[in-house]
């Protein structure tokens, strides 16, 4: 099976419980740089499936922590 990186990451987390997804995220935060693409894919899914209020809050949170 020929999967691209995005598909491989999505396949890795598909059918995980809330607790398992939380663990994947927590384990990836501050970890090795190799996990950053995975976090990017997860963020992409969150972004694409969030309303404008959530997107604005995410941007605001990011901005607040970059200063």
N, C-alpha and C. Protein backbone atom coordinates (compact mmCIF):
# COMPACT_ATOMS: atom_id res chain seq x y z
N UNK A 1 0.85 -1.17 0.00
CA UNK A 1 0.00 0.00 0.00
C UNK A 1 0.90 1.24 0.00
N UNK A 2 0.63 2.18 -0.88
CA UNK A 2 1.43 3.38 -1.04
C UNK A 2 0.71 4.55 -0.37
N UNK A 3 1.15 4.92 0.84
CA UNK A 3 0.52 6.00 1.59
C UNK A 3 1.45 7.20 1.66
N UNK A 4 0.89 8.37 1.59
CA UNK A 4 1.72 9.54 1.86
C UNK A 4 1.75 9.78 3.36
N UNK A 5 2.58 10.71 3.79
CA UNK A 5 2.77 10.96 5.22
C UNK A 5 1.46 11.33 5.91
N UNK A 6 0.69 12.21 5.29
CA UNK A 6 -0.59 12.64 5.88
C UNK A 6 -1.51 11.44 6.10
N UNK A 7 -1.63 10.60 5.09
CA UNK A 7 -2.50 9.42 5.20
C UNK A 7 -1.99 8.46 6.28
N UNK A 8 -0.69 8.31 6.36
CA UNK A 8 -0.11 7.41 7.37
C UNK A 8 -0.40 7.91 8.78
N UNK A 9 -0.30 9.21 8.98
CA UNK A 9 -0.57 9.78 10.30
C UNK A 9 -2.04 9.63 10.65
N UNK A 10 -2.91 9.90 9.69
CA UNK A 10 -4.35 9.77 9.92
C UNK A 10 -4.68 8.31 10.24
N UNK A 11 -4.10 7.40 9.50
CA UNK A 11 -4.35 5.98 9.74
C UNK A 11 -3.89 5.57 11.15
N UNK A 12 -2.78 6.16 11.60
CA UNK A 12 -2.24 5.81 12.93
C UNK A 12 -3.19 6.21 14.06
N UNK A 13 -3.94 7.28 13.89
CA UNK A 13 -4.80 7.76 14.97
C UNK A 13 -6.28 7.43 14.78
N UNK A 14 -6.61 6.88 13.63
CA UNK A 14 -8.01 6.52 13.37
C UNK A 14 -8.45 5.46 14.36
N UNK A 15 -9.66 5.61 14.87
CA UNK A 15 -10.28 4.68 15.81
C UNK A 15 -9.65 4.67 17.19
N UNK A 16 -8.86 5.70 17.51
CA UNK A 16 -8.31 5.81 18.87
C UNK A 16 -9.39 6.42 19.77
N UNK A 17 -9.34 6.05 21.03
CA UNK A 17 -10.26 6.63 22.00
C UNK A 17 -9.83 8.06 22.31
N UNK A 18 -10.68 8.81 22.99
CA UNK A 18 -10.32 10.17 23.40
C UNK A 18 -9.04 10.16 24.22
N UNK A 19 -8.94 9.22 25.14
CA UNK A 19 -7.77 9.13 26.00
C UNK A 19 -6.51 8.81 25.19
N UNK A 20 -6.63 7.94 24.21
CA UNK A 20 -5.49 7.60 23.36
C UNK A 20 -5.06 8.79 22.52
N UNK A 21 -6.03 9.53 21.97
CA UNK A 21 -5.70 10.73 21.19
C UNK A 21 -5.02 11.78 22.07
N UNK A 22 -5.54 11.94 23.27
CA UNK A 22 -4.93 12.87 24.22
C UNK A 22 -3.48 12.47 24.47
N UNK A 23 -3.26 11.19 24.66
CA UNK A 23 -1.91 10.68 24.90
C UNK A 23 -0.98 10.91 23.71
N UNK A 24 -1.49 10.69 22.51
CA UNK A 24 -0.68 10.92 21.30
C UNK A 24 -0.23 12.38 21.26
N UNK A 25 -1.15 13.28 21.53
CA UNK A 25 -0.83 14.71 21.50
C UNK A 25 0.14 15.06 22.61
N UNK A 26 -0.15 14.64 23.82
CA UNK A 26 0.72 14.94 24.96
C UNK A 26 2.12 14.38 24.77
N UNK A 27 2.22 13.18 24.25
CA UNK A 27 3.54 12.57 24.03
C UNK A 27 4.32 13.28 22.94
N UNK A 28 3.60 13.92 22.02
CA UNK A 28 4.26 14.58 20.90
C UNK A 28 4.71 16.00 21.23
N UNK A 29 4.00 16.66 22.12
CA UNK A 29 4.33 18.03 22.48
C UNK A 29 5.69 18.06 23.17
N UNK A 30 6.57 18.88 22.64
CA UNK A 30 7.90 19.02 23.22
C UNK A 30 8.81 17.83 22.95
N UNK A 31 8.35 16.92 22.13
CA UNK A 31 9.14 15.73 21.83
C UNK A 31 10.12 15.98 20.70
N UNK A 32 10.53 14.93 20.09
CA UNK A 32 11.48 15.01 18.99
C UNK A 32 10.86 15.72 17.79
N UNK A 33 11.71 16.33 17.00
CA UNK A 33 11.22 17.08 15.85
C UNK A 33 10.54 16.19 14.81
N UNK A 34 10.81 14.91 14.83
CA UNK A 34 10.19 14.01 13.87
C UNK A 34 8.68 13.93 14.04
N UNK A 35 8.17 14.26 15.22
CA UNK A 35 6.72 14.19 15.45
C UNK A 35 5.99 15.45 15.02
N UNK A 36 6.72 16.51 14.70
CA UNK A 36 6.06 17.76 14.32
C UNK A 36 5.15 17.64 13.11
N UNK A 37 5.53 16.89 12.07
CA UNK A 37 4.58 16.73 10.96
C UNK A 37 3.27 16.08 11.41
N UNK A 38 3.34 15.16 12.34
CA UNK A 38 2.13 14.52 12.85
C UNK A 38 1.23 15.51 13.56
N UNK A 39 1.83 16.36 14.38
CA UNK A 39 1.05 17.39 15.05
C UNK A 39 0.45 18.35 14.03
N UNK A 40 1.18 18.63 12.97
CA UNK A 40 0.66 19.50 11.92
C UNK A 40 -0.56 18.91 11.25
N UNK A 41 -0.53 17.62 11.00
CA UNK A 41 -1.67 16.94 10.38
C UNK A 41 -2.86 16.97 11.33
N UNK A 42 -2.62 16.72 12.60
CA UNK A 42 -3.71 16.75 13.58
C UNK A 42 -4.28 18.16 13.68
N UNK A 43 -3.41 19.18 13.68
CA UNK A 43 -3.89 20.55 13.72
C UNK A 43 -4.70 20.88 12.47
N UNK A 44 -4.25 20.39 11.33
CA UNK A 44 -4.98 20.62 10.08
C UNK A 44 -6.41 20.07 10.17
N UNK A 45 -6.55 18.88 10.74
CA UNK A 45 -7.88 18.28 10.89
C UNK A 45 -8.73 19.12 11.84
N UNK A 46 -8.14 19.54 12.95
CA UNK A 46 -8.87 20.38 13.90
C UNK A 46 -9.31 21.67 13.23
N UNK A 47 -8.39 22.32 12.53
CA UNK A 47 -8.67 23.60 11.87
C UNK A 47 -9.79 23.46 10.85
N UNK A 48 -9.69 22.45 10.00
CA UNK A 48 -10.67 22.27 8.93
C UNK A 48 -12.06 21.93 9.45
N UNK A 49 -12.12 21.41 10.67
CA UNK A 49 -13.41 20.97 11.21
C UNK A 49 -13.87 21.83 12.37
N UNK A 50 -13.31 23.03 12.48
CA UNK A 50 -13.70 23.97 13.53
C UNK A 50 -14.39 25.17 12.91
N UNK A 51 -15.30 25.72 13.66
CA UNK A 51 -15.97 26.94 13.23
C UNK A 51 -15.06 28.14 13.40
N UNK A 52 -15.51 29.26 12.90
CA UNK A 52 -14.67 30.47 12.94
C UNK A 52 -14.37 30.92 14.37
N UNK A 53 -15.29 30.69 15.31
CA UNK A 53 -15.02 31.07 16.70
C UNK A 53 -13.83 30.30 17.26
N UNK A 54 -13.79 29.01 17.02
CA UNK A 54 -12.67 28.18 17.50
C UNK A 54 -11.39 28.57 16.78
N UNK A 55 -11.47 28.79 15.47
CA UNK A 55 -10.29 29.19 14.71
C UNK A 55 -9.74 30.52 15.24
N UNK A 56 -10.63 31.46 15.51
CA UNK A 56 -10.18 32.75 16.06
C UNK A 56 -9.54 32.57 17.42
N UNK A 57 -10.09 31.70 18.24
CA UNK A 57 -9.51 31.45 19.56
C UNK A 57 -8.13 30.80 19.44
N UNK A 58 -7.97 29.87 18.50
CA UNK A 58 -6.67 29.24 18.28
C UNK A 58 -5.63 30.27 17.84
N UNK A 59 -6.02 31.15 16.92
CA UNK A 59 -5.10 32.19 16.46
C UNK A 59 -4.75 33.13 17.60
N UNK A 60 -5.74 33.51 18.39
CA UNK A 60 -5.51 34.40 19.52
C UNK A 60 -4.56 33.76 20.54
N UNK A 61 -4.77 32.50 20.84
CA UNK A 61 -3.91 31.79 21.78
C UNK A 61 -2.49 31.73 21.24
N UNK A 62 -2.35 31.41 19.97
CA UNK A 62 -1.03 31.36 19.35
C UNK A 62 -0.35 32.72 19.42
N UNK A 63 -1.07 33.74 19.03
CA UNK A 63 -0.51 35.09 19.04
C UNK A 63 -0.07 35.50 20.44
N UNK A 64 -0.90 35.22 21.44
CA UNK A 64 -0.57 35.58 22.82
C UNK A 64 0.71 34.92 23.31
N UNK A 65 0.99 33.73 22.80
CA UNK A 65 2.16 32.99 23.27
C UNK A 65 3.39 33.18 22.41
N UNK A 66 3.28 33.98 21.38
CA UNK A 66 4.43 34.28 20.53
C UNK A 66 5.10 35.60 20.91
N UNK A 67 4.51 36.30 21.85
CA UNK A 67 5.07 37.60 22.27
C UNK A 67 5.85 37.47 23.54
